[in-house]
Amino acid sequence: MQAISKHLPAEERRAVTVEAVIALAAEQNPNDITTAAIAKKMNLTQGALFRHFPNKEAIWLAVMEWVAERLLARIDRAAISAPTPLAGLEAVFFAHIEFVVAHPGVPRMIFGELQRAGDSMVKRMVRTMLAHYGERLVTLIAAGKSQGELSADVDTAAAATLFIGMIQGLVMQSLLHNEPQRMLTEAPQLFVIYRRSIVEPK
């Protein structure tokens, strides 16, 4: 990575730091990432890094803000471009999988943060992101039910939870095998099973 100028605009500094942290998280336990390691990845001194961020938590918050913005924007684009609610769910599912494959350090950071005891601003941000994600799923599922595309008997909240659980399961399997790309081959059949469970019986 090229040396980072201290005169970079704030948003560019933020993006470069996020990129460095996510890259490190893909290579090692996120809990073991130090500010020294982040600075080294960016070819900066720790002092220069702390001129950009006051502490490590601020860096983690910047990463989670980046994740929330990019992931939610990606699934919004996927849902909007789909012709029906069910097609929207499928598009969102694969958009999320592709995001994780492109940024394998992200789920490692999220899972690592959620395992920490107590509460934190980062953990609250993750909860907020998941809540917003869930709201989008509930909207799609409710629309599918109202249009007769999905079964009226489907529990909307449970279907949204199951949707997120499928992705989390795929992510866990990929982490166990250290093969993010395997999600791309396993996801299609998993969504077929999910779709069968929520569509209106013929």
Protein backbone atom coordinates (compact mmCIF):
# COMPACT_ATOMS: atom_id res chain seq x y z
CA MET A 1 0.00 0.00 0.00
CA GLN A 2 1.35 3.43 -0.86
CA ALA A 3 2.30 5.95 1.81
CA ILE A 4 -0.67 8.00 2.97
CA SER A 5 -0.38 11.76 3.04
CA LYS A 6 -1.55 13.48 6.22
CA HIS A 7 -3.13 16.08 3.96
CA LEU A 8 -5.69 13.71 2.45
CA PRO A 9 -9.32 14.86 2.75
CA ALA A 10 -11.14 13.42 5.75
CA GLU A 11 -13.34 11.06 3.70
CA GLU A 12 -10.34 9.71 1.79
CA ARG A 13 -8.40 9.15 5.02
CA ARG A 14 -11.41 7.30 6.38
CA ALA A 15 -11.72 5.10 3.30
CA VAL A 16 -8.02 4.21 3.24
CA THR A 17 -8.05 3.32 6.94
CA VAL A 18 -11.16 1.17 6.52
CA GLU A 19 -9.54 -0.60 3.58
CA ALA A 20 -6.45 -1.36 5.68
CA VAL A 21 -8.44 -2.69 8.65
CA ILE A 22 -10.68 -4.93 6.53
CA ALA A 23 -7.63 -6.30 4.71
CA LEU A 24 -5.97 -7.10 8.04
CA ALA A 25 -9.16 -8.70 9.37
CA ALA A 26 -9.17 -11.07 6.40
CA GLU A 27 -5.67 -12.24 7.37
CA GLN A 28 -5.82 -12.49 11.16
CA ASN A 29 -8.04 -12.43 14.24
CA PRO A 30 -9.61 -8.95 14.24
CA ASN A 31 -9.27 -8.79 18.03
CA ASP A 32 -5.49 -8.99 17.60
CA ILE A 33 -5.29 -6.06 15.19
CA THR A 34 -3.40 -3.20 16.81
CA THR A 35 -3.16 0.43 15.83
CA ALA A 36 0.53 -0.25 15.16
CA ALA A 37 -0.43 -2.93 12.63
CA ILE A 38 -2.97 -0.61 10.99
CA ALA A 39 -0.41 2.19 10.73
CA LYS A 40 2.15 -0.22 9.26
CA LYS A 41 -0.38 -1.45 6.69
CA MET A 42 -0.95 2.16 5.67
CA ASN A 43 2.75 3.07 5.77
CA LEU A 44 2.03 5.63 8.46
CA THR A 45 3.32 6.18 11.97
CA GLN A 46 0.93 5.56 14.86
CA GLY A 47 1.11 9.27 15.55
CA ALA A 48 -0.12 10.05 12.06
CA LEU A 49 -2.92 7.51 12.41
CA PHE A 50 -4.06 9.07 15.67
CA ARG A 51 -4.23 12.45 13.97
CA HIS A 52 -6.93 10.86 11.83
CA PHE A 53 -8.71 8.96 14.64
CA PRO A 54 -8.56 9.58 18.40
CA ASN A 55 -8.47 5.89 19.35
CA LYS A 56 -8.98 2.33 18.13
CA GLU A 57 -12.72 2.37 18.83
CA ALA A 58 -13.09 5.35 16.49
CA ILE A 59 -11.39 3.31 13.76
CA TRP A 60 -13.74 0.37 14.37
CA LEU A 61 -16.71 2.74 14.25
CA ALA A 62 -15.50 4.08 10.91
CA VAL A 63 -15.25 0.53 9.58
CA MET A 64 -18.76 -0.36 10.72
CA GLU A 65 -20.15 2.88 9.30
CA TRP A 66 -18.51 2.01 5.98
CA VAL A 67 -19.95 -1.52 6.11
CA ALA A 68 -23.46 -0.32 6.95
CA GLU A 69 -23.46 2.33 4.23
CA ARG A 70 -22.08 0.04 1.52
CA LEU A 71 -24.06 -3.08 2.40
CA LEU A 72 -27.42 -1.36 2.82
CA ALA A 73 -26.90 0.65 -0.36
CA ARG A 74 -26.04 -2.54 -2.25
CA ILE A 75 -29.10 -4.43 -1.09
CA ASP A 76 -31.30 -1.39 -1.77
CA ARG A 77 -30.08 -1.31 -5.37
CA ALA A 78 -30.67 -5.04 -5.69
CA ALA A 79 -34.22 -4.81 -4.33
CA ILE A 80 -35.18 -1.80 -6.43
CA SER A 81 -33.95 -3.40 -9.65
CA ALA A 82 -36.01 -6.58 -9.10
CA PRO A 83 -39.42 -6.91 -10.80
CA THR A 84 -41.21 -8.61 -7.87
CA PRO A 85 -40.79 -8.90 -4.08
CA LEU A 86 -39.62 -12.52 -4.34
CA ALA A 87 -37.13 -11.58 -7.02
CA GLY A 88 -36.09 -8.74 -4.72
CA LEU A 89 -35.39 -11.15 -1.87
CA GLU A 90 -33.28 -13.30 -4.17
CA ALA A 91 -31.39 -10.27 -5.49
CA VAL A 92 -30.73 -9.04 -1.95
CA PHE A 93 -29.55 -12.49 -0.89
CA PHE A 94 -26.95 -12.76 -3.64
CA ALA A 95 -25.92 -9.11 -3.35
CA HIS A 96 -25.11 -9.73 0.31
CA ILE A 97 -23.18 -12.91 -0.47
CA GLU A 98 -21.16 -11.12 -3.14
CA PHE A 99 -20.38 -8.31 -0.67
CA VAL A 100 -19.02 -10.79 1.88
CA VAL A 101 -16.95 -12.61 -0.73
CA ALA A 102 -15.47 -9.28 -1.83
CA HIS A 103 -14.77 -8.23 1.78
CA PRO A 104 -14.10 -11.41 3.83
CA GLY A 105 -12.67 -9.39 6.70
CA VAL A 106 -16.06 -7.80 7.39
CA PRO A 107 -17.88 -10.81 8.93
CA ARG A 108 -14.76 -11.70 10.91
CA MET A 109 -14.85 -8.24 12.47
CA ILE A 110 -18.58 -8.36 13.15
CA PHE A 111 -18.50 -11.82 14.72
CA GLY A 112 -15.46 -10.84 16.76
CA GLU A 113 -17.13 -7.70 18.06
CA LEU A 114 -20.37 -9.50 18.95
CA GLN A 115 -18.42 -11.99 21.07
CA ARG A 116 -17.06 -9.25 23.30
CA ALA A 117 -18.62 -9.03 26.75
CA GLY A 118 -20.66 -5.96 27.56
CA ASP A 119 -21.87 -3.28 25.21
CA SER A 120 -20.03 -0.83 22.99
CA MET A 121 -20.75 1.80 20.38
CA VAL A 122 -19.51 -0.58 17.70
CA LYS A 123 -21.84 -3.35 18.88
CA ARG A 124 -24.76 -0.92 18.97
CA MET A 125 -23.94 0.14 15.43
CA VAL A 126 -23.99 -3.49 14.28
CA ARG A 127 -27.38 -3.97 15.94
CA THR A 128 -28.70 -0.85 14.22
CA MET A 129 -27.43 -2.05 10.85
CA LEU A 130 -29.08 -5.44 11.30
CA ALA A 131 -32.31 -3.75 12.38
CA HIS A 132 -32.35 -1.62 9.22
CA TYR A 133 -31.55 -4.70 7.15
CA GLY A 134 -34.40 -6.59 8.81
CA GLU A 135 -36.82 -3.75 8.10
CA ARG A 136 -36.00 -3.99 4.41
CA LEU A 137 -36.61 -7.74 4.44
CA VAL A 138 -39.91 -7.34 6.28
CA THR A 139 -41.03 -4.80 3.67
CA LEU A 140 -40.21 -7.17 0.81
CA ILE A 141 -41.85 -10.17 2.49
CA ALA A 142 -44.99 -8.20 3.38
CA ALA A 143 -45.22 -6.94 -0.20
CA GLY A 144 -44.90 -10.49 -1.50
CA LYS A 145 -47.70 -11.64 0.77
CA SER A 146 -49.99 -8.76 -0.17
CA GLN A 147 -49.42 -9.45 -3.88
CA GLY A 148 -50.11 -13.15 -3.47
CA GLU A 149 -46.59 -14.13 -4.48
CA LEU A 150 -45.72 -15.42 -1.02
CA SER A 151 -47.88 -17.55 1.22
CA ALA A 152 -50.22 -15.54 3.42
CA ASP A 153 -49.43 -17.95 6.25
CA VAL A 154 -45.74 -17.05 6.30
CA ASP A 155 -44.62 -15.44 9.55
CA THR A 156 -43.01 -12.26 8.23
CA ALA A 157 -40.62 -11.69 11.12
CA ALA A 158 -39.55 -15.33 11.21
CA ALA A 159 -38.97 -15.36 7.45
CA ALA A 160 -36.75 -12.29 7.78
CA THR A 161 -34.80 -13.90 10.62
CA LEU A 162 -34.35 -17.10 8.62
CA PHE A 163 -33.10 -15.09 5.64
CA ILE A 164 -30.35 -13.48 7.72
CA GLY A 165 -29.62 -16.81 9.39
CA MET A 166 -28.97 -18.44 6.02
CA ILE A 167 -26.33 -15.87 5.21
CA GLN A 168 -24.77 -16.16 8.66
CA GLY A 169 -24.62 -19.94 8.24
CA LEU A 170 -22.90 -19.65 4.88
CA VAL A 171 -20.44 -17.16 6.34
CA MET A 172 -19.64 -19.44 9.29
CA GLN A 173 -19.00 -22.36 6.95
CA SER A 174 -16.73 -20.22 4.79
CA LEU A 175 -14.79 -19.10 7.88
CA LEU A 176 -14.39 -22.68 9.09
CA HIS A 177 -12.91 -23.70 5.76
CA ASN A 178 -11.24 -20.34 5.06
CA GLU A 179 -12.88 -20.37 1.64
CA PRO A 180 -15.09 -17.29 1.08
CA GLN A 181 -15.68 -18.30 -2.55
CA ARG A 182 -17.53 -21.45 -1.52
CA MET A 183 -20.50 -19.28 -0.55
CA LEU A 184 -21.07 -18.53 -4.24
CA THR A 185 -21.49 -22.22 -5.05
CA GLU A 186 -23.60 -23.11 -2.00
CA ALA A 187 -25.90 -20.07 -1.94
CA PRO A 188 -28.11 -20.90 -4.96
CA GLN A 189 -29.42 -24.21 -3.62
CA LEU A 190 -29.90 -22.71 -0.18
CA PHE A 191 -32.11 -19.99 -1.61
CA VAL A 192 -34.12 -22.59 -3.54
CA ILE A 193 -35.01 -24.26 -0.23
CA TYR A 194 -35.86 -20.90 1.34
CA ARG A 195 -38.06 -19.91 -1.60
CA ARG A 196 -40.01 -23.16 -1.35
CA SER A 197 -40.76 -22.42 2.28
CA ILE A 198 -42.30 -19.01 1.66
CA VAL A 199 -44.04 -19.15 -1.75
CA GLU A 200 -47.77 -19.54 -2.13
CA PRO A 201 -48.56 -23.24 -2.71
CA LYS A 202 -49.84 -23.97 -6.19
